[in-house]
Structure formats: C-alpha cells, structure tokens
PDB file of N, CA and C in Angstrom:
ATOM      1  N   UNK A   1      13.503 -34.691   8.990  1.00  0.00           N
ATOM      2  CA  UNK A   1      12.331 -33.843   8.961  1.00  0.00           C
ATOM      3  C   UNK A   1      11.137 -34.564   9.572  1.00  0.00           C
ATOM      4  N   UNK A   2      11.061 -35.861   9.366  1.00  0.00           N
ATOM      5  CA  UNK A   2       9.944 -36.611   9.937  1.00  0.00           C
ATOM      6  C   UNK A   2       9.991 -36.630  11.455  1.00  0.00           C
ATOM      7  N   UNK A   3      11.199 -36.610  12.010  1.00  0.00           N
ATOM      8  CA  UNK A   3      11.292 -36.607  13.475  1.00  0.00           C
ATOM      9  C   UNK A   3      10.805 -35.286  14.050  1.00  0.00           C
ATOM     10  N   UNK A   4      11.038 -34.187  13.315  1.00  0.00           N
ATOM     11  CA  UNK A   4      10.637 -32.867  13.821  1.00  0.00           C
ATOM     12  C   UNK A   4       9.152 -32.595  13.613  1.00  0.00           C
ATOM     13  N   UNK A   5       8.678 -32.829  12.403  1.00  0.00           N
ATOM     14  CA  UNK A   5       7.298 -32.457  12.060  1.00  0.00           C
ATOM     15  C   UNK A   5       6.422 -33.650  11.725  1.00  0.00           C
ATOM     16  N   UNK A   6       6.907 -34.845  11.900  1.00  0.00           N
ATOM     17  CA  UNK A   6       6.165 -36.038  11.505  1.00  0.00           C
ATOM     18  C   UNK A   6       4.837 -36.195  12.203  1.00  0.00           C
ATOM     19  N   UNK A   7       4.749 -35.785  13.450  1.00  0.00           N
ATOM     20  CA  UNK A   7       3.496 -35.919  14.184  1.00  0.00           C
ATOM     21  C   UNK A   7       2.524 -34.788  13.876  1.00  0.00           C
ATOM     22  N   UNK A   8       3.017 -33.675  13.374  1.00  0.00           N
ATOM     23  CA  UNK A   8       2.171 -32.501  13.154  1.00  0.00           C
ATOM     24  C   UNK A   8       1.725 -32.406  11.693  1.00  0.00           C
ATOM     25  N   UNK A   9       2.686 -32.503  10.758  1.00  0.00           N
ATOM     26  CA  UNK A   9       2.412 -32.312   9.331  1.00  0.00           C
ATOM     27  C   UNK A   9       2.880 -33.549   8.579  1.00  0.00           C
ATOM     28  N   UNK A  10       2.015 -34.077   7.719  1.00  0.00           N
ATOM     29  CA  UNK A  10       2.448 -35.200   6.892  1.00  0.00           C
ATOM     30  C   UNK A  10       3.242 -34.681   5.689  1.00  0.00           C
ATOM     31  N   UNK A  11       3.842 -35.589   4.941  1.00  0.00           N
ATOM     32  CA  UNK A  11       4.727 -35.203   3.850  1.00  0.00           C
ATOM     33  C   UNK A  11       4.000 -34.451   2.743  1.00  0.00           C
ATOM     34  N   UNK A  12       2.805 -34.860   2.418  1.00  0.00           N
ATOM     35  CA  UNK A  12       2.070 -34.208   1.333  1.00  0.00           C
ATOM     36  C   UNK A  12       1.723 -32.760   1.695  1.00  0.00           C
ATOM     37  N   UNK A  13       1.317 -32.523   2.931  1.00  0.00           N
ATOM     38  CA  UNK A  13       1.000 -31.154   3.363  1.00  0.00           C
ATOM     39  C   UNK A  13       2.249 -30.282   3.339  1.00  0.00           C
ATOM     40  N   UNK A  14       3.363 -30.816   3.772  1.00  0.00           N
ATOM     41  CA  UNK A  14       4.619 -30.078   3.741  1.00  0.00           C
ATOM     42  C   UNK A  14       5.012 -29.772   2.297  1.00  0.00           C
ATOM     43  N   UNK A  15       4.818 -30.744   1.409  1.00  0.00           N
ATOM     44  CA  UNK A  15       5.096 -30.538  -0.012  1.00  0.00           C
ATOM     45  C   UNK A  15       4.234 -29.413  -0.578  1.00  0.00           C
ATOM     46  N   UNK A  16       2.956 -29.392  -0.247  1.00  0.00           N
ATOM     47  CA  UNK A  16       2.049 -28.344  -0.742  1.00  0.00           C
ATOM     48  C   UNK A  16       2.438 -26.963  -0.197  1.00  0.00           C
ATOM     49  N   UNK A  17       2.866 -26.904   1.063  1.00  0.00           N
ATOM     50  CA  UNK A  17       3.283 -25.632   1.654  1.00  0.00           C
ATOM     51  C   UNK A  17       4.513 -25.104   0.933  1.00  0.00           C
ATOM     52  N   UNK A  18       5.498 -25.962   0.700  1.00  0.00           N
ATOM     53  CA  UNK A  18       6.721 -25.539   0.012  1.00  0.00           C
ATOM     54  C   UNK A  18       6.413 -25.150  -1.427  1.00  0.00           C
ATOM     55  N   UNK A  19       5.540 -25.900  -2.079  1.00  0.00           N
ATOM     56  CA  UNK A  19       5.155 -25.575  -3.446  1.00  0.00           C
ATOM     57  C   UNK A  19       4.440 -24.225  -3.503  1.00  0.00           C
ATOM     58  N   UNK A  20       3.595 -23.940  -2.549  1.00  0.00           N
ATOM     59  CA  UNK A  20       2.891 -22.651  -2.514  1.00  0.00           C
ATOM     60  C   UNK A  20       3.857 -21.500  -2.309  1.00  0.00           C
ATOM     61  N   UNK A  21       4.832 -21.686  -1.441  1.00  0.00           N
ATOM     62  CA  UNK A  21       5.837 -20.645  -1.205  1.00  0.00           C
ATOM     63  C   UNK A  21       6.628 -20.382  -2.481  1.00  0.00           C
ATOM     64  N   UNK A  22       6.999 -21.435  -3.197  1.00  0.00           N
ATOM     65  CA  UNK A  22       7.745 -21.267  -4.446  1.00  0.00           C
ATOM     66  C   UNK A  22       6.904 -20.539  -5.490  1.00  0.00           C
ATOM     67  N   UNK A  23       5.619 -20.858  -5.589  1.00  0.00           N
ATOM     68  CA  UNK A  23       4.741 -20.181  -6.549  1.00  0.00           C
ATOM     69  C   UNK A  23       4.603 -18.702  -6.204  1.00  0.00           C
ATOM     70  N   UNK A  24       4.432 -18.385  -4.936  1.00  0.00           N
ATOM     71  CA  UNK A  24       4.299 -16.982  -4.513  1.00  0.00           C
ATOM     72  C   UNK A  24       5.578 -16.215  -4.806  1.00  0.00           C
ATOM     73  N   UNK A  25       6.732 -16.796  -4.515  1.00  0.00           N
ATOM     74  CA  UNK A  25       8.006 -16.132  -4.807  1.00  0.00           C
ATOM     75  C   UNK A  25       8.209 -15.953  -6.313  1.00  0.00           C
ATOM     76  N   UNK A  26       7.790 -16.922  -7.102  1.00  0.00           N
ATOM     77  CA  UNK A  26       7.901 -16.795  -8.556  1.00  0.00           C
ATOM     78  C   UNK A  26       7.019 -15.662  -9.079  1.00  0.00           C
ATOM     79  N   UNK A  27       5.798 -15.579  -8.577  1.00  0.00           N
ATOM     80  CA  UNK A  27       4.901 -14.506  -9.003  1.00  0.00           C
ATOM     81  C   UNK A  27       5.440 -13.138  -8.586  1.00  0.00           C
ATOM     82  N   UNK A  28       6.017 -13.046  -7.396  1.00  0.00           N
ATOM     83  CA  UNK A  28       6.603 -11.793  -6.931  1.00  0.00           C
ATOM     84  C   UNK A  28       7.796 -11.398  -7.806  1.00  0.00           C
ATOM     85  N   UNK A  29       8.596 -12.381  -8.215  1.00  0.00           N
ATOM     86  CA  UNK A  29       9.735 -12.106  -9.079  1.00  0.00           C
ATOM     87  C   UNK A  29       9.277 -11.601 -10.447  1.00  0.00           C
ATOM     88  N   UNK A  30       8.232 -12.198 -10.990  1.00  0.00           N
ATOM     89  CA  UNK A  30       7.684 -11.734 -12.270  1.00  0.00           C
ATOM     90  C   UNK A  30       7.140 -10.319 -12.120  1.00  0.00           C
ATOM     91  N   UNK A  31       6.451 -10.038 -11.017  1.00  0.00           N
ATOM     92  CA  UNK A  31       5.924  -8.694 -10.769  1.00  0.00           C
ATOM     93  C   UNK A  31       7.054  -7.666 -10.725  1.00  0.00           C
ATOM     94  N   UNK A  32       8.119  -7.988  -9.994  1.00  0.00           N
ATOM     95  CA  UNK A  32       9.253  -7.059  -9.925  1.00  0.00           C
ATOM     96  C   UNK A  32       9.897  -6.872 -11.292  1.00  0.00           C
ATOM     97  N   UNK A  33      10.006  -7.943 -12.061  1.00  0.00           N
ATOM     98  CA  UNK A  33      10.565  -7.831 -13.405  1.00  0.00           C
ATOM     99  C   UNK A  33       9.740  -6.929 -14.298  1.00  0.00           C
ATOM    100  N   UNK A  34       8.424  -7.046 -14.213  1.00  0.00           N
ATOM    101  CA  UNK A  34       7.548  -6.182 -15.012  1.00  0.00           C
ATOM    102  C   UNK A  34       7.686  -4.731 -14.570  1.00  0.00           C
ATOM    103  N   UNK A  35       7.750  -4.502 -13.262  1.00  0.00           N
ATOM    104  CA  UNK A  35       7.909  -3.128 -12.772  1.00  0.00           C
ATOM    105  C   UNK A  35       9.217  -2.519 -13.237  1.00  0.00           C
ATOM    106  N   UNK A  36      10.297  -3.285 -13.172  1.00  0.00           N
ATOM    107  CA  UNK A  36      11.595  -2.778 -13.610  1.00  0.00           C
ATOM    108  C   UNK A  36      11.588  -2.520 -15.108  1.00  0.00           C
ATOM    109  N   UNK A  37      11.000  -3.417 -15.882  1.00  0.00           N
ATOM    110  CA  UNK A  37      10.947  -3.240 -17.337  1.00  0.00           C
ATOM    111  C   UNK A  37      10.137  -2.006 -17.715  1.00  0.00           C
ATOM    112  N   UNK A  38       9.004  -1.794 -17.060  1.00  0.00           N
ATOM    113  CA  UNK A  38       8.193  -0.613 -17.374  1.00  0.00           C
ATOM    114  C   UNK A  38       8.882   0.673 -16.953  1.00  0.00           C
ATOM    115  N   UNK A  39       9.537   0.646 -15.810  1.00  0.00           N
ATOM    116  CA  UNK A  39      10.270   1.836 -15.365  1.00  0.00           C
ATOM    117  C   UNK A  39      11.400   2.141 -16.328  1.00  0.00           C
ATOM    118  N   UNK A  40      12.105   1.110 -16.760  1.00  0.00           N
ATOM    119  CA  UNK A  40      13.213   1.307 -17.685  1.00  0.00           C
ATOM    120  C   UNK A  40      12.712   1.780 -19.049  1.00  0.00           C
ATOM    121  N   UNK A  41      11.542   1.298 -19.452  1.00  0.00           N
ATOM    122  CA  UNK A  41      11.001   1.680 -20.755  1.00  0.00           C
ATOM    123  C   UNK A  41      10.615   3.155 -20.776  1.00  0.00           C
ATOM    124  N   UNK A  42       9.995   3.634 -19.707  1.00  0.00           N
ATOM    125  CA  UNK A  42       9.508   5.004 -19.695  1.00  0.00           C
ATOM    126  C   UNK A  42      10.527   5.998 -19.162  1.00  0.00           C
ATOM    127  N   UNK A  43      11.705   5.538 -18.838  1.00  0.00           N
ATOM    128  CA  UNK A  43      12.771   6.428 -18.386  1.00  0.00           C
ATOM    129  C   UNK A  43      13.384   7.114 -19.599  1.00  0.00           C
ATOM    130  N   UNK A  44      13.499   8.410 -19.535  1.00  0.00           N
ATOM    131  CA  UNK A  44      14.091   9.141 -20.654  1.00  0.00           C
ATOM    132  C   UNK A  44      15.602   8.988 -20.563  1.00  0.00           C
ATOM    133  N   UNK A  45      16.162   8.287 -21.529  1.00  0.00           N
ATOM    134  CA  UNK A  45      17.589   7.972 -21.484  1.00  0.00           C
ATOM    135  C   UNK A  45      18.442   8.996 -22.231  1.00  0.00           C
ATOM    136  N   UNK A  46      17.834  10.011 -22.794  1.00  0.00           N
ATOM    137  CA  UNK A  46      18.608  10.981 -23.547  1.00  0.00           C
ATOM    138  C   UNK A  46      19.382  11.936 -22.643  1.00  0.00           C
ATOM    139  N   UNK A  47      19.081  11.955 -21.367  1.00  0.00           N
ATOM    140  CA  UNK A  47      19.811  12.808 -20.433  1.00  0.00           C
ATOM    141  C   UNK A  47      21.128  12.141 -20.069  1.00  0.00           C
ATOM    142  N   UNK A  48      22.203  12.870 -20.239  1.00  0.00           N
ATOM    143  CA  UNK A  48      23.531  12.289 -20.020  1.00  0.00           C
ATOM    144  C   UNK A  48      23.953  12.356 -18.559  1.00  0.00           C
ATOM    145  N   UNK A  49      23.387  13.272 -17.805  1.00  0.00           N
ATOM    146  CA  UNK A  49      23.797  13.454 -16.417  1.00  0.00           C
ATOM    147  C   UNK A  49      23.110  12.402 -15.539  1.00  0.00           C
ATOM    148  N   UNK A  50      23.892  11.660 -14.800  1.00  0.00           N
ATOM    149  CA  UNK A  50      23.318  10.582 -13.989  1.00  0.00           C
ATOM    150  C   UNK A  50      22.457  11.119 -12.845  1.00  0.00           C
ATOM    151  N   UNK A  51      22.780  12.307 -12.333  1.00  0.00           N
ATOM    152  CA  UNK A  51      21.965  12.885 -11.263  1.00  0.00           C
ATOM    153  C   UNK A  51      20.549  13.188 -11.748  1.00  0.00           C
ATOM    154  N   UNK A  52      20.424  13.644 -12.979  1.00  0.00           N
ATOM    155  CA  UNK A  52      19.105  13.933 -13.522  1.00  0.00           C
ATOM    156  C   UNK A  52      18.312  12.653 -13.735  1.00  0.00           C
ATOM    157  N   UNK A  53      18.979  11.582 -14.158  1.00  0.00           N
ATOM    158  CA  UNK A  53      18.296  10.310 -14.363  1.00  0.00           C
ATOM    159  C   UNK A  53      17.805   9.764 -13.029  1.00  0.00           C
ATOM    160  N   UNK A  54      18.627   9.856 -11.987  1.00  0.00           N
ATOM    161  CA  UNK A  54      18.229   9.373 -10.666  1.00  0.00           C
ATOM    162  C   UNK A  54      17.047  10.179 -10.143  1.00  0.00           C
ATOM    163  N   UNK A  55      17.076  11.501 -10.305  1.00  0.00           N
ATOM    164  CA  UNK A  55      15.961  12.314  -9.827  1.00  0.00           C
ATOM    165  C   UNK A  55      14.701  12.015 -10.642  1.00  0.00           C
ATOM    166  N   UNK A  56      14.865  11.685 -11.901  1.00  0.00           N
ATOM    167  CA  UNK A  56      13.711  11.329 -12.725  1.00  0.00           C
ATOM    168  C   UNK A  56      13.097  10.015 -12.240  1.00  0.00           C
ATOM    169  N   UNK A  57      13.925   9.071 -11.814  1.00  0.00           N
ATOM    170  CA  UNK A  57      13.411   7.810 -11.276  1.00  0.00           C
ATOM    171  C   UNK A  57      12.611   8.073 -10.009  1.00  0.00           C
ATOM    172  N   UNK A  58      13.117   8.943  -9.143  1.00  0.00           N
ATOM    173  CA  UNK A  58      12.415   9.237  -7.891  1.00  0.00           C
ATOM    174  C   UNK A  58      11.064   9.859  -8.170  1.00  0.00           C
ATOM    175  N   UNK A  59      10.990  10.740  -9.143  1.00  0.00           N
ATOM    176  CA  UNK A  59       9.719  11.376  -9.488  1.00  0.00           C
ATOM    177  C   UNK A  59       8.749  10.334 -10.026  1.00  0.00           C
ATOM    178  N   UNK A  60       9.229   9.404 -10.870  1.00  0.00           N
ATOM    179  CA  UNK A  60       8.323   8.413 -11.429  1.00  0.00           C
ATOM    180  C   UNK A  60       7.823   7.460 -10.365  1.00  0.00           C
ATOM    181  N   UNK A  61       8.655   7.117  -9.379  1.00  0.00           N
ATOM    182  CA  UNK A  61       8.213   6.269  -8.290  1.00  0.00           C
ATOM    183  C   UNK A  61       7.173   6.993  -7.414  1.00  0.00           C
ATOM    184  N   UNK A  62       7.387   8.281  -7.180  1.00  0.00           N
ATOM    185  CA  UNK A  62       6.429   9.056  -6.391  1.00  0.00           C
ATOM    186  C   UNK A  62       5.095   9.151  -7.123  1.00  0.00           C
ATOM    187  N   UNK A  63       5.146   9.332  -8.420  1.00  0.00           N
ATOM    188  CA  UNK A  63       3.905   9.429  -9.199  1.00  0.00           C
ATOM    189  C   UNK A  63       3.175   8.095  -9.237  1.00  0.00           C
ATOM    190  N   UNK A  64       3.931   7.011  -9.235  1.00  0.00           N
ATOM    191  CA  UNK A  64       3.305   5.689  -9.302  1.00  0.00           C
ATOM    192  C   UNK A  64       2.620   5.314  -8.001  1.00  0.00           C
ATOM    193  N   UNK A  65       3.132   5.788  -6.887  1.00  0.00           N
ATOM    194  CA  UNK A  65       2.593   5.367  -5.595  1.00  0.00           C
ATOM    195  C   UNK A  65       1.766   6.444  -4.908  1.00  0.00           C
ATOM    196  N   UNK A  66       1.438   7.512  -5.610  1.00  0.00           N
ATOM    197  CA  UNK A  66       0.598   8.537  -4.974  1.00  0.00           C
ATOM    198  C   UNK A  66      -0.800   8.512  -5.532  1.00  0.00           C
TER     199      UNK A  66
END
C-alpha cells in the first residue's frame, strides 16, 4: 500500500478515511435496522393472505415517502 499511495496519502490519513467509511456504513446499517423494525411493528400481521401483507407494505412505503 505504501508503494501505491505512499507519496500521496500518509498512513494516518488513510486510517482516518477507512475509519470514517466504517462509521458511515455502521450508521447506515443502524438506520436500516430501525426502518425495518418500525415497518415490521406497524404491519398488521392478522391478515393471513400474503398478497394482502405485501400490498400493505407497498402502501406504507408510499405513505412514508410522499
């Protein structure tokens, strides 16, 4: 790695860049987990037909993003 980027980026800067990418990906993963948990919580599970559950998910996604 030093041969490729040694003249451009030092080790500490590369470490900070990789650490920042990991933090951003972790925050995105937590965000997706919260979205999935909230969607699952507010999904009415008493409907036995899977087609109705899928259409209910589509409606909730449309309502969330409109």
